[in-house]
Full PDB file with SEQRES, HELIX, SHEET, SSBOND, CRYST1, ORIGX, SCALE, CONECT and MASTER records, all heavy atoms in Angstrom:
SEQRES   1 A   39  ALA SER TYR ALA LEU ARG LYS HIS TYR PHE THR LEU LEU          
SEQRES   2 A   39  HIS HIS PHE GLU GLN VAL TYR PHE PHE ARG HIS ASN PHE          
SEQRES   3 A   39  PRO GLY SER ARG CYS PHE GLN ALA GLU GLY THR ILE ASP          
HELIX    1 AA1 SER A    2  LEU A   12  1                                  11    
HELIX    2 AA2 HIS A   14  TYR A   20  1                                   7    
CRYST1    1.000    1.000    1.000  90.00  90.00  90.00 P 1           1          
ORIGX1      1.000000  0.000000  0.000000        0.00000                         
ORIGX2      0.000000  1.000000  0.000000        0.00000                         
ORIGX3      0.000000  0.000000  1.000000        0.00000                         
SCALE1      1.000000  0.000000  0.000000        0.00000                         
SCALE2      0.000000  1.000000  0.000000        0.00000                         
SCALE3      0.000000  0.000000  1.000000        0.00000                         
ATOM      1  N   ALA A   1      73.242 -23.929  -5.154  1.00  0.00           N  
ATOM      2  CA  ALA A   1      72.132 -22.901  -5.206  1.00  0.00           C  
ATOM      3  C   ALA A   1      70.817 -23.558  -5.295  1.00  0.00           C  
ATOM      4  O   ALA A   1      69.810 -23.093  -4.709  1.00  0.00           O  
ATOM      5  CB  ALA A   1      72.454 -21.934  -6.319  1.00  0.00           C  
ATOM      6  N   SER A   2      70.628 -24.534  -6.036  1.00  0.00           N  
ATOM      7  CA  SER A   2      69.316 -25.195  -6.299  1.00  0.00           C  
ATOM      8  C   SER A   2      68.777 -25.794  -4.896  1.00  0.00           C  
ATOM      9  O   SER A   2      67.663 -25.607  -4.590  1.00  0.00           O  
ATOM     10  CB  SER A   2      69.351 -26.329  -7.277  1.00  0.00           C  
ATOM     11  OG  SER A   2      69.859 -25.852  -8.579  1.00  0.00           O  
ATOM     12  N   TYR A   3      69.673 -26.435  -4.213  1.00  0.00           N  
ATOM     13  CA  TYR A   3      69.367 -27.015  -2.869  1.00  0.00           C  
ATOM     14  C   TYR A   3      68.948 -25.814  -1.825  1.00  0.00           C  
ATOM     15  O   TYR A   3      67.957 -25.952  -1.191  1.00  0.00           O  
ATOM     16  CB  TYR A   3      70.474 -27.809  -2.242  1.00  0.00           C  
ATOM     17  CG  TYR A   3      70.143 -28.373  -0.928  1.00  0.00           C  
ATOM     18  CD1 TYR A   3      69.357 -29.349  -0.721  1.00  0.00           C  
ATOM     19  CD2 TYR A   3      70.762 -27.711   0.168  1.00  0.00           C  
ATOM     20  CE1 TYR A   3      68.993 -29.826   0.568  1.00  0.00           C  
ATOM     21  CE2 TYR A   3      70.478 -28.108   1.466  1.00  0.00           C  
ATOM     22  CZ  TYR A   3      69.715 -29.242   1.700  1.00  0.00           C  
ATOM     23  OH  TYR A   3      69.412 -29.691   2.891  1.00  0.00           O  
ATOM     24  N   ALA A   4      69.700 -24.867  -1.917  1.00  0.00           N  
ATOM     25  CA  ALA A   4      69.436 -23.509  -1.072  1.00  0.00           C  
ATOM     26  C   ALA A   4      68.111 -22.961  -1.293  1.00  0.00           C  
ATOM     27  O   ALA A   4      67.404 -22.703  -0.457  1.00  0.00           O  
ATOM     28  CB  ALA A   4      70.538 -22.545  -1.148  1.00  0.00           C  
ATOM     29  N   LEU A   5      67.745 -22.717  -2.609  1.00  0.00           N  
ATOM     30  CA  LEU A   5      66.524 -22.157  -2.983  1.00  0.00           C  
ATOM     31  C   LEU A   5      65.420 -22.992  -2.551  1.00  0.00           C  
ATOM     32  O   LEU A   5      64.346 -22.531  -2.051  1.00  0.00           O  
ATOM     33  CB  LEU A   5      66.484 -21.952  -4.515  1.00  0.00           C  
ATOM     34  CG  LEU A   5      67.379 -20.955  -5.139  1.00  0.00           C  
ATOM     35  CD1 LEU A   5      67.238 -20.858  -6.678  1.00  0.00           C  
ATOM     36  CD2 LEU A   5      67.015 -19.492  -4.452  1.00  0.00           C  
ATOM     37  N   ARG A   6      65.473 -24.267  -2.866  1.00  0.00           N  
ATOM     38  CA  ARG A   6      64.445 -25.205  -2.319  1.00  0.00           C  
ATOM     39  C   ARG A   6      64.268 -25.177  -0.947  1.00  0.00           C  
ATOM     40  O   ARG A   6      63.080 -25.086  -0.303  1.00  0.00           O  
ATOM     41  CB  ARG A   6      64.731 -26.700  -2.800  1.00  0.00           C  
ATOM     42  CG  ARG A   6      63.807 -27.666  -2.230  1.00  0.00           C  
ATOM     43  CD  ARG A   6      64.113 -29.135  -2.640  1.00  0.00           C  
ATOM     44  NE  ARG A   6      63.420 -30.096  -2.018  1.00  0.00           N  
ATOM     45  CZ  ARG A   6      63.390 -31.442  -2.320  1.00  0.00           C  
ATOM     46  NH1 ARG A   6      64.168 -31.869  -3.390  1.00  0.00           N  
ATOM     47  NH2 ARG A   6      62.573 -32.255  -1.684  1.00  0.00           N  
ATOM     48  N   LYS A   7      65.327 -25.165  -0.152  1.00  0.00           N  
ATOM     49  CA  LYS A   7      65.161 -25.148   1.363  1.00  0.00           C  
ATOM     50  C   LYS A   7      64.501 -23.837   1.910  1.00  0.00           C  
ATOM     51  O   LYS A   7      63.523 -23.810   2.658  1.00  0.00           O  
ATOM     52  CB  LYS A   7      66.529 -25.262   1.990  1.00  0.00           C  
ATOM     53  CG  LYS A   7      66.539 -25.172   3.466  1.00  0.00           C  
ATOM     54  CD  LYS A   7      67.934 -25.318   4.069  1.00  0.00           C  
ATOM     55  CE  LYS A   7      68.735 -24.007   3.809  1.00  0.00           C  
ATOM     56  NZ  LYS A   7      70.075 -23.879   4.490  1.00  0.00           N  
ATOM     57  N   HIS A   8      64.893 -22.609   1.283  1.00  0.00           N  
ATOM     58  CA  HIS A   8      64.508 -21.358   1.583  1.00  0.00           C  
ATOM     59  C   HIS A   8      63.018 -21.258   1.288  1.00  0.00           C  
ATOM     60  O   HIS A   8      62.133 -20.595   1.998  1.00  0.00           O  
ATOM     61  CB  HIS A   8      65.348 -20.195   1.178  1.00  0.00           C  
ATOM     62  CG  HIS A   8      66.657 -20.153   1.671  1.00  0.00           C  
ATOM     63  ND1 HIS A   8      66.887 -20.261   3.036  1.00  0.00           N  
ATOM     64  CD2 HIS A   8      67.895 -20.057   1.157  1.00  0.00           C  
ATOM     65  CE1 HIS A   8      68.187 -20.189   3.309  1.00  0.00           C  
ATOM     66  NE2 HIS A   8      68.827 -20.018   2.194  1.00  0.00           N  
ATOM     67  N   TYR A   9      62.635 -21.726   0.154  1.00  0.00           N  
ATOM     68  CA  TYR A   9      61.352 -21.654  -0.350  1.00  0.00           C  
ATOM     69  C   TYR A   9      60.303 -22.480   0.511  1.00  0.00           C  
ATOM     70  O   TYR A   9      59.236 -21.906   0.854  1.00  0.00           O  
ATOM     71  CB  TYR A   9      61.155 -22.179  -1.843  1.00  0.00           C  
ATOM     72  CG  TYR A   9      59.847 -21.773  -2.456  1.00  0.00           C  
ATOM     73  CD1 TYR A   9      59.726 -20.649  -3.235  1.00  0.00           C  
ATOM     74  CD2 TYR A   9      58.634 -22.598  -2.291  1.00  0.00           C  
ATOM     75  CE1 TYR A   9      58.468 -20.327  -3.868  1.00  0.00           C  
ATOM     76  CE2 TYR A   9      57.536 -22.258  -2.900  1.00  0.00           C  
ATOM     77  CZ  TYR A   9      57.317 -21.134  -3.679  1.00  0.00           C  
ATOM     78  OH  TYR A   9      56.118 -20.857  -4.139  1.00  0.00           O  
ATOM     79  N   PHE A  10      60.783 -23.654   0.932  1.00  0.00           N  
ATOM     80  CA  PHE A  10      59.838 -24.435   1.739  1.00  0.00           C  
ATOM     81  C   PHE A  10      59.733 -23.843   3.031  1.00  0.00           C  
ATOM     82  O   PHE A  10      58.624 -23.767   3.642  1.00  0.00           O  
ATOM     83  CB  PHE A  10      60.499 -25.818   1.926  1.00  0.00           C  
ATOM     84  CG  PHE A  10      59.726 -26.742   2.768  1.00  0.00           C  
ATOM     85  CD1 PHE A  10      58.533 -27.291   2.207  1.00  0.00           C  
ATOM     86  CD2 PHE A  10      60.023 -26.923   4.143  1.00  0.00           C  
ATOM     87  CE1 PHE A  10      57.790 -28.280   3.008  1.00  0.00           C  
ATOM     88  CE2 PHE A  10      59.228 -27.764   4.975  1.00  0.00           C  
ATOM     89  CZ  PHE A  10      58.102 -28.440   4.340  1.00  0.00           C  
ATOM     90  N   THR A  11      60.760 -23.142   3.585  1.00  0.00           N  
ATOM     91  CA  THR A  11      60.687 -22.481   4.916  1.00  0.00           C  
ATOM     92  C   THR A  11      59.906 -21.227   4.925  1.00  0.00           C  
ATOM     93  O   THR A  11      59.107 -20.973   5.816  1.00  0.00           O  
ATOM     94  CB  THR A  11      62.115 -22.184   5.409  1.00  0.00           C  
ATOM     95  OG1 THR A  11      62.862 -23.418   5.531  1.00  0.00           O  
ATOM     96  CG2 THR A  11      62.047 -21.667   6.841  1.00  0.00           C  
ATOM     97  N   LEU A  12      60.032 -20.462   3.911  1.00  0.00           N  
ATOM     98  CA  LEU A  12      59.390 -19.193   3.917  1.00  0.00           C  
ATOM     99  C   LEU A  12      58.268 -18.930   3.056  1.00  0.00           C  
ATOM    100  O   LEU A  12      57.465 -18.057   3.248  1.00  0.00           O  
ATOM    101  CB  LEU A  12      60.563 -18.096   3.475  1.00  0.00           C  
ATOM    102  CG  LEU A  12      61.834 -18.013   4.391  1.00  0.00           C  
ATOM    103  CD1 LEU A  12      62.834 -17.166   3.745  1.00  0.00           C  
ATOM    104  CD2 LEU A  12      61.375 -17.342   5.791  1.00  0.00           C  
ATOM    105  N   LEU A  13      58.120 -19.735   2.010  1.00  0.00           N  
ATOM    106  CA  LEU A  13      57.132 -19.452   1.047  1.00  0.00           C  
ATOM    107  C   LEU A  13      56.147 -20.584   0.655  1.00  0.00           C  
ATOM    108  O   LEU A  13      55.026 -20.379   0.030  1.00  0.00           O  
ATOM    109  CB  LEU A  13      57.731 -19.033  -0.300  1.00  0.00           C  
ATOM    110  CG  LEU A  13      58.602 -17.761  -0.237  1.00  0.00           C  
ATOM    111  CD1 LEU A  13      59.416 -17.642  -1.672  1.00  0.00           C  
ATOM    112  CD2 LEU A  13      57.781 -16.582  -0.060  1.00  0.00           C  
ATOM    113  N   HIS A  14      56.584 -21.712   1.165  1.00  0.00           N  
ATOM    114  CA  HIS A  14      55.540 -22.897   0.843  1.00  0.00           C  
ATOM    115  C   HIS A  14      54.116 -22.770   1.296  1.00  0.00           C  
ATOM    116  O   HIS A  14      53.198 -22.959   0.578  1.00  0.00           O  
ATOM    117  CB  HIS A  14      56.251 -24.221   1.307  1.00  0.00           C  
ATOM    118  CG  HIS A  14      55.472 -25.423   0.854  1.00  0.00           C  
ATOM    119  ND1 HIS A  14      55.274 -26.605   1.575  1.00  0.00           N  
ATOM    120  CD2 HIS A  14      54.915 -25.658  -0.393  1.00  0.00           C  
ATOM    121  CE1 HIS A  14      54.671 -27.439   0.855  1.00  0.00           C  
ATOM    122  NE2 HIS A  14      54.369 -27.014  -0.322  1.00  0.00           N  
ATOM    123  N   HIS A  15      53.928 -22.443   2.553  1.00  0.00           N  
ATOM    124  CA  HIS A  15      52.651 -22.174   3.215  1.00  0.00           C  
ATOM    125  C   HIS A  15      52.038 -20.981   2.621  1.00  0.00           C  
ATOM    126  O   HIS A  15      50.788 -20.874   2.404  1.00  0.00           O  
ATOM    127  CB  HIS A  15      52.648 -22.260   4.619  1.00  0.00           C  
ATOM    128  CG  HIS A  15      53.131 -23.535   5.191  1.00  0.00           C  
ATOM    129  ND1 HIS A  15      52.396 -24.756   4.963  1.00  0.00           N  
ATOM    130  CD2 HIS A  15      54.112 -23.963   6.027  1.00  0.00           C  
ATOM    131  CE1 HIS A  15      53.070 -25.704   5.554  1.00  0.00           C  
ATOM    132  NE2 HIS A  15      54.088 -25.290   6.258  1.00  0.00           N  
ATOM    133  N   PHE A  16      52.808 -20.002   2.371  1.00  0.00           N  
ATOM    134  CA  PHE A  16      52.349 -18.736   1.785  1.00  0.00           C  
ATOM    135  C   PHE A  16      51.714 -18.995   0.463  1.00  0.00           C  
ATOM    136  O   PHE A  16      50.631 -18.469   0.015  1.00  0.00           O  
ATOM    137  CB  PHE A  16      53.570 -17.635   1.665  1.00  0.00           C  
ATOM    138  CG  PHE A  16      53.083 -16.433   1.098  1.00  0.00           C  
ATOM    139  CD1 PHE A  16      52.570 -15.419   1.827  1.00  0.00           C  
ATOM    140  CD2 PHE A  16      53.382 -16.153  -0.250  1.00  0.00           C  
ATOM    141  CE1 PHE A  16      52.307 -14.160   1.270  1.00  0.00           C  
ATOM    142  CE2 PHE A  16      53.119 -14.933  -0.913  1.00  0.00           C  
ATOM    143  CZ  PHE A  16      52.564 -13.920  -0.161  1.00  0.00           C  
ATOM    144  N   GLU A  17      52.481 -19.815  -0.422  1.00  0.00           N  
ATOM    145  CA  GLU A  17      51.972 -20.219  -1.663  1.00  0.00           C  
ATOM    146  C   GLU A  17      50.639 -21.019  -1.557  1.00  0.00           C  
ATOM    147  O   GLU A  17      49.796 -20.797  -2.507  1.00  0.00           O  
ATOM    148  CB  GLU A  17      52.979 -21.178  -2.263  1.00  0.00           C  
ATOM    149  CG  GLU A  17      52.526 -21.949  -3.527  1.00  0.00           C  
ATOM    150  CD  GLU A  17      53.443 -23.133  -3.839  1.00  0.00           C  
ATOM    151  OE1 GLU A  17      54.555 -22.967  -4.476  1.00  0.00           O  
ATOM    152  OE2 GLU A  17      53.028 -24.313  -3.553  1.00  0.00           O  
ATOM    153  N   GLN A  18      50.386 -21.840  -0.464  1.00  0.00           N  
ATOM    154  CA  GLN A  18      49.196 -22.565  -0.477  1.00  0.00           C  
ATOM    155  C   GLN A  18      48.046 -21.570  -0.317  1.00  0.00           C  
ATOM    156  O   GLN A  18      46.843 -21.797  -0.811  1.00  0.00           O  
ATOM    157  CB  GLN A  18      49.201 -23.483   0.833  1.00  0.00           C  
ATOM    158  CG  GLN A  18      50.380 -24.596   0.668  1.00  0.00           C  
ATOM    159  CD  GLN A  18      50.140 -25.523  -0.444  1.00  0.00           C  
ATOM    160  OE1 GLN A  18      49.020 -25.904  -0.676  1.00  0.00           O  
ATOM    161  NE2 GLN A  18      51.082 -25.684  -1.271  1.00  0.00           N  
ATOM    162  N   VAL A  19      48.263 -20.471   0.417  1.00  0.00           N  
ATOM    163  CA  VAL A  19      47.165 -19.481   0.637  1.00  0.00           C  
ATOM    164  C   VAL A  19      46.924 -18.648  -0.605  1.00  0.00           C  
ATOM    165  O   VAL A  19      45.688 -18.297  -0.963  1.00  0.00           O  
ATOM    166  CB  VAL A  19      47.521 -18.739   1.898  1.00  0.00           C  
ATOM    167  CG1 VAL A  19      46.471 -17.539   2.067  1.00  0.00           C  
ATOM    168  CG2 VAL A  19      47.613 -19.644   3.177  1.00  0.00           C  
ATOM    169  N   TYR A  20      47.992 -18.081  -1.050  1.00  0.00           N  
ATOM    170  CA  TYR A  20      47.855 -16.973  -2.119  1.00  0.00           C  
ATOM    171  C   TYR A  20      47.781 -17.605  -3.541  1.00  0.00           C  
ATOM    172  O   TYR A  20      47.167 -17.015  -4.362  1.00  0.00           O  
ATOM    173  CB  TYR A  20      49.112 -16.010  -1.982  1.00  0.00           C  
ATOM    174  CG  TYR A  20      48.916 -15.012  -0.938  1.00  0.00           C  
ATOM    175  CD1 TYR A  20      49.309 -15.362   0.446  1.00  0.00           C  
ATOM    176  CD2 TYR A  20      48.444 -13.721  -1.204  1.00  0.00           C  
ATOM    177  CE1 TYR A  20      49.027 -14.425   1.434  1.00  0.00           C  
ATOM    178  CE2 TYR A  20      48.338 -12.857  -0.146  1.00  0.00           C  
ATOM    179  CZ  TYR A  20      48.509 -13.125   1.062  1.00  0.00           C  
ATOM    180  OH  TYR A  20      48.350 -12.195   2.207  1.00  0.00           O  
ATOM    181  N   PHE A  21      48.439 -18.699  -3.821  1.00  0.00           N  
ATOM    182  CA  PHE A  21      48.454 -19.248  -5.179  1.00  0.00           C  
ATOM    183  C   PHE A  21      47.477 -20.322  -5.398  1.00  0.00           C  
ATOM    184  O   PHE A  21      46.802 -20.408  -6.349  1.00  0.00           O  
ATOM    185  CB  PHE A  21      49.987 -19.787  -5.493  1.00  0.00           C  
ATOM    186  CG  PHE A  21      50.005 -20.296  -6.915  1.00  0.00           C  
ATOM    187  CD1 PHE A  21      49.690 -19.503  -7.985  1.00  0.00           C  
ATOM    188  CD2 PHE A  21      50.454 -21.675  -7.104  1.00  0.00           C  
ATOM    189  CE1 PHE A  21      49.831 -20.021  -9.298  1.00  0.00           C  
ATOM    190  CE2 PHE A  21      50.560 -22.191  -8.443  1.00  0.00           C  
ATOM    191  CZ  PHE A  21      50.323 -21.330  -9.476  1.00  0.00           C  
ATOM    192  N   PHE A  22      47.203 -21.158  -4.349  1.00  0.00           N  
ATOM    193  CA  PHE A  22      46.266 -22.179  -4.534  1.00  0.00           C  
ATOM    194  C   PHE A  22      44.974 -21.932  -3.685  1.00  0.00           C  
ATOM    195  O   PHE A  22      44.254 -22.904  -3.404  1.00  0.00           O  
ATOM    196  CB  PHE A  22      46.954 -23.557  -3.987  1.00  0.00           C  
ATOM    197  CG  PHE A  22      48.035 -24.095  -4.755  1.00  0.00           C  
ATOM    198  CD1 PHE A  22      49.279 -24.168  -4.363  1.00  0.00           C  
ATOM    199  CD2 PHE A  22      47.598 -24.507  -6.157  1.00  0.00           C  
ATOM    200  CE1 PHE A  22      50.311 -24.702  -5.232  1.00  0.00           C  
ATOM    201  CE2 PHE A  22      48.602 -25.091  -6.916  1.00  0.00           C  
ATOM    202  CZ  PHE A  22      49.959 -25.183  -6.471  1.00  0.00           C  
ATOM    203  N   ARG A  23      44.779 -20.772  -3.292  1.00  0.00           N  
ATOM    204  CA  ARG A  23      43.681 -20.511  -2.387  1.00  0.00           C  
ATOM    205  C   ARG A  23      42.224 -20.900  -2.985  1.00  0.00           C  
ATOM    206  O   ARG A  23      41.296 -21.078  -2.185  1.00  0.00           O  
ATOM    207  CB  ARG A  23      43.574 -19.021  -1.959  1.00  0.00           C  
ATOM    208  CG  ARG A  23      43.317 -18.033  -3.131  1.00  0.00           C  
ATOM    209  CD  ARG A  23      43.241 -16.619  -2.488  1.00  0.00           C  
ATOM    210  NE  ARG A  23      43.149 -15.677  -3.539  1.00  0.00           N  
ATOM    211  CZ  ARG A  23      42.780 -14.477  -3.341  1.00  0.00           C  
ATOM    212  NH1 ARG A  23      42.573 -14.019  -2.105  1.00  0.00           N  
ATOM    213  NH2 ARG A  23      42.614 -13.524  -4.323  1.00  0.00           N  
ATOM    214  N   HIS A  24      42.237 -21.076  -4.354  1.00  0.00           N  
ATOM    215  CA  HIS A  24      40.932 -21.429  -4.808  1.00  0.00           C  
ATOM    216  C   HIS A  24      40.699 -22.994  -4.486  1.00  0.00           C  
ATOM    217  O   HIS A  24      39.491 -23.341  -4.495  1.00  0.00           O  
ATOM    218  CB  HIS A  24      40.901 -21.270  -6.334  1.00  0.00           C  
ATOM    219  CG  HIS A  24      41.966 -21.992  -6.951  1.00  0.00           C  
ATOM    220  ND1 HIS A  24      43.267 -21.371  -7.094  1.00  0.00           N  
ATOM    221  CD2 HIS A  24      42.142 -23.203  -7.688  1.00  0.00           C  
ATOM    222  CE1 HIS A  24      44.018 -22.206  -7.758  1.00  0.00           C  
ATOM    223  NE2 HIS A  24      43.367 -23.370  -8.045  1.00  0.00           N  
ATOM    224  N   ASN A  25      41.771 -23.637  -4.120  1.00  0.00           N  
ATOM    225  CA  ASN A  25      41.611 -25.082  -3.580  1.00  0.00           C  
ATOM    226  C   ASN A  25      41.835 -25.189  -2.122  1.00  0.00           C  
ATOM    227  O   ASN A  25      41.965 -26.181  -1.623  1.00  0.00           O  
ATOM    228  CB  ASN A  25      42.537 -25.979  -4.387  1.00  0.00           C  
ATOM    229  CG  ASN A  25      42.151 -26.140  -5.948  1.00  0.00           C  
ATOM    230  OD1 ASN A  25      40.955 -26.105  -6.126  1.00  0.00           O  
ATOM    231  ND2 ASN A  25      43.012 -26.095  -6.673  1.00  0.00           N  
ATOM    232  N   PHE A  26      42.040 -24.067  -1.466  1.00  0.00           N  
ATOM    233  CA  PHE A  26      42.558 -24.067  -0.020  1.00  0.00           C  
ATOM    234  C   PHE A  26      41.260 -23.812   0.853  1.00  0.00           C  
ATOM    235  O   PHE A  26      40.764 -22.747   0.970  1.00  0.00           O  
ATOM    236  CB  PHE A  26      43.531 -22.986   0.108  1.00  0.00           C  
ATOM    237  CG  PHE A  26      44.255 -23.115   1.488  1.00  0.00           C  
ATOM    238  CD1 PHE A  26      45.338 -23.982   1.454  1.00  0.00           C  
ATOM    239  CD2 PHE A  26      43.918 -22.463   2.579  1.00  0.00           C  
ATOM    240  CE1 PHE A  26      46.107 -24.141   2.493  1.00  0.00           C  
ATOM    241  CE2 PHE A  26      44.658 -22.611   3.768  1.00  0.00           C  
ATOM    242  CZ  PHE A  26      45.770 -23.403   3.688  1.00  0.00           C  
ATOM    243  N   PRO A  27      40.782 -24.826   1.605  1.00  0.00           N  
ATOM    244  CA  PRO A  27      39.593 -24.668   2.474  1.00  0.00           C  
ATOM    245  C   PRO A  27      40.062 -23.869   3.671  1.00  0.00           C  
ATOM    246  O   PRO A  27      41.183 -23.709   4.059  1.00  0.00           O  
ATOM    247  CB  PRO A  27      39.184 -26.105   2.814  1.00  0.00           C  
ATOM    248  CG  PRO A  27      40.560 -26.780   2.659  1.00  0.00           C  
ATOM    249  CD  PRO A  27      41.364 -26.219   1.542  1.00  0.00           C  
ATOM    250  N   GLY A  28      38.817 -23.452   4.394  1.00  0.00           N  
ATOM    251  CA  GLY A  28      39.098 -22.763   5.608  1.00  0.00           C  
ATOM    252  C   GLY A  28      39.750 -23.528   6.730  1.00  0.00           C  
ATOM    253  O   GLY A  28      40.393 -22.992   7.553  1.00  0.00           O  
ATOM    254  N   SER A  29      39.619 -24.771   6.695  1.00  0.00           N  
ATOM    255  CA  SER A  29      40.252 -25.652   7.624  1.00  0.00           C  
ATOM    256  C   SER A  29      40.892 -26.694   6.876  1.00  0.00           C  
ATOM    257  O   SER A  29      40.350 -27.471   6.061  1.00  0.00           O  
ATOM    258  CB  SER A  29      39.113 -26.351   8.568  1.00  0.00           C  
ATOM    259  OG  SER A  29      39.815 -27.182   9.457  1.00  0.00           O  
ATOM    260  N   ARG A  30      42.247 -26.824   7.124  1.00  0.00           N  
ATOM    261  CA  ARG A  30      43.080 -27.690   6.258  1.00  0.00           C  
ATOM    262  C   ARG A  30      43.663 -28.809   6.996  1.00  0.00           C  
ATOM    263  O   ARG A  30      44.261 -28.537   8.254  1.00  0.00           O  
ATOM    264  CB  ARG A  30      44.226 -26.914   5.585  1.00  0.00           C  
ATOM    265  CG  ARG A  30      45.143 -27.724   4.805  1.00  0.00           C  
ATOM    266  CD  ARG A  30      46.180 -26.800   4.111  1.00  0.00           C  
ATOM    267  NE  ARG A  30      47.203 -27.571   3.470  1.00  0.00           N  
ATOM    268  CZ  ARG A  30      47.085 -27.797   2.250  1.00  0.00           C  
ATOM    269  NH1 ARG A  30      46.028 -27.381   1.461  1.00  0.00           N  
ATOM    270  NH2 ARG A  30      48.149 -28.443   1.528  1.00  0.00           N  
ATOM    271  N   CYS A  31      43.671 -30.029   6.585  1.00  0.00           N  
ATOM    272  CA  CYS A  31      44.277 -31.149   7.244  1.00  0.00           C  
ATOM    273  C   CYS A  31      45.377 -31.625   6.340  1.00  0.00           C  
ATOM    274  O   CYS A  31      45.273 -31.708   5.157  1.00  0.00           O  
ATOM    275  CB  CYS A  31      43.262 -32.319   7.506  1.00  0.00           C  
ATOM    276  SG  CYS A  31      41.927 -31.866   8.609  1.00  0.00           S  
ATOM    277  N   PHE A  32      46.525 -31.885   7.042  1.00  0.00           N  
ATOM    278  CA  PHE A  32      47.693 -32.347   6.346  1.00  0.00           C  
ATOM    279  C   PHE A  32      47.855 -33.917   6.433  1.00  0.00           C  
ATOM    280  O   PHE A  32      47.725 -34.442   7.575  1.00  0.00           O  
ATOM    281  CB  PHE A  32      49.019 -31.711   6.877  1.00  0.00           C  
ATOM    282  CG  PHE A  32      49.033 -30.206   6.595  1.00  0.00           C  
ATOM    283  CD1 PHE A  32      48.649 -29.410   7.610  1.00  0.00           C  
ATOM    284  CD2 PHE A  32      49.553 -29.735   5.406  1.00  0.00           C  
ATOM    285  CE1 PHE A  32      48.644 -27.973   7.234  1.00  0.00           C  
ATOM    286  CE2 PHE A  32      49.624 -28.339   5.181  1.00  0.00           C  
ATOM    287  CZ  PHE A  32      49.169 -27.463   6.101  1.00  0.00           C  
ATOM    288  N   GLN A  33      48.102 -34.601   5.409  1.00  0.00           N  
ATOM    289  CA  GLN A  33      48.337 -35.923   5.519  1.00  0.00           C  
ATOM    290  C   GLN A  33      49.833 -36.203   5.344  1.00  0.00           C  
ATOM    291  O   GLN A  33      50.584 -35.584   4.588  1.00  0.00           O  
ATOM    292  CB  GLN A  33      47.750 -36.688   4.237  1.00  0.00           C  
ATOM    293  CG  GLN A  33      46.290 -36.656   4.361  1.00  0.00           C  
ATOM    294  CD  GLN A  33      45.573 -37.537   3.289  1.00  0.00           C  
ATOM    295  OE1 GLN A  33      46.184 -37.828   2.280  1.00  0.00           O  
ATOM    296  NE2 GLN A  33      44.325 -37.839   3.407  1.00  0.00           N  
ATOM    297  N   ALA A  34      50.311 -37.064   6.201  1.00  0.00           N  
ATOM    298  CA  ALA A  34      51.739 -37.187   6.311  1.00  0.00           C  
ATOM    299  C   ALA A  34      52.082 -38.805   6.427  1.00  0.00           C  
ATOM    300  O   ALA A  34      51.279 -39.484   6.970  1.00  0.00           O  
ATOM    301  CB  ALA A  34      52.407 -36.519   7.490  1.00  0.00           C  
ATOM    302  N   GLU A  35      53.193 -39.336   5.836  1.00  0.00           N  
ATOM    303  CA  GLU A  35      53.618 -40.624   6.022  1.00  0.00           C  
ATOM    304  C   GLU A  35      54.867 -40.659   6.739  1.00  0.00           C  
ATOM    305  O   GLU A  35      55.886 -39.875   6.411  1.00  0.00           O  
ATOM    306  CB  GLU A  35      53.839 -41.129   4.569  1.00  0.00           C  
ATOM    307  CG  GLU A  35      52.569 -41.308   3.816  1.00  0.00           C  
ATOM    308  CD  GLU A  35      52.848 -41.884   2.360  1.00  0.00           C  
ATOM    309  OE1 GLU A  35      54.033 -42.158   2.129  1.00  0.00           O  
ATOM    310  OE2 GLU A  35      51.912 -41.856   1.570  1.00  0.00           O  
ATOM    311  N   GLY A  36      54.971 -41.482   7.745  1.00  0.00           N  
ATOM    312  CA  GLY A  36      56.106 -41.579   8.554  1.00  0.00           C  
ATOM    313  C   GLY A  36      56.920 -42.942   8.528  1.00  0.00           C  
ATOM    314  O   GLY A  36      56.197 -43.994   8.327  1.00  0.00           O  
ATOM    315  N   THR A  37      58.230 -42.855   8.564  1.00  0.00           N  
ATOM    316  CA  THR A  37      58.948 -44.144   8.670  1.00  0.00           C  
ATOM    317  C   THR A  37      60.033 -43.989   9.789  1.00  0.00           C  
ATOM    318  O   THR A  37      60.473 -42.873  10.145  1.00  0.00           O  
ATOM    319  CB  THR A  37      59.695 -44.374   7.299  1.00  0.00           C  
ATOM    320  OG1 THR A  37      60.523 -43.175   7.020  1.00  0.00           O  
ATOM    321  CG2 THR A  37      58.794 -44.542   6.186  1.00  0.00           C  
ATOM    322  N   ILE A  38      60.375 -45.189  10.394  1.00  0.00           N  
ATOM    323  CA  ILE A  38      61.384 -45.209  11.401  1.00  0.00           C  
ATOM    324  C   ILE A  38      62.759 -45.473  10.718  1.00  0.00           C  
ATOM    325  O   ILE A  38      62.841 -46.529  10.068  1.00  0.00           O  
ATOM    326  CB  ILE A  38      61.167 -46.269  12.407  1.00  0.00           C  
ATOM    327  CG1 ILE A  38      59.858 -45.940  13.180  1.00  0.00           C  
ATOM    328  CG2 ILE A  38      62.208 -46.480  13.425  1.00  0.00           C  
ATOM    329  CD1 ILE A  38      59.270 -47.038  14.137  1.00  0.00           C  
ATOM    330  N   ASP A  39      63.641 -44.559  10.873  1.00  0.00           N  
ATOM    331  CA  ASP A  39      65.015 -44.695  10.249  1.00  0.00           C  
ATOM    332  C   ASP A  39      65.954 -45.435  11.050  1.00  0.00           C  
ATOM    333  O   ASP A  39      66.846 -46.214  10.580  1.00  0.00           O  
ATOM    334  CB  ASP A  39      65.639 -43.363   9.899  1.00  0.00           C  
ATOM    335  CG  ASP A  39      64.790 -42.535   9.002  1.00  0.00           C  
ATOM    336  OD1 ASP A  39      64.131 -43.131   8.024  1.00  0.00           O  
ATOM    337  OD2 ASP A  39      64.699 -41.258   9.076  1.00  0.00           O  
TER     338      ASP A  39                                                      
MASTER        0    0    0    2    0    0    0    6  337    1    0    3          
END                                                                             
């Protein structure tokens, strides 16, 4: 259940959270930083 909740939250609510919960730190234009590795 824990894994399923995490997966569904990330898919459906993670970006929603960024806008509604963290919007005081959320600029009008957002850049994402990512780190990539070759598996």
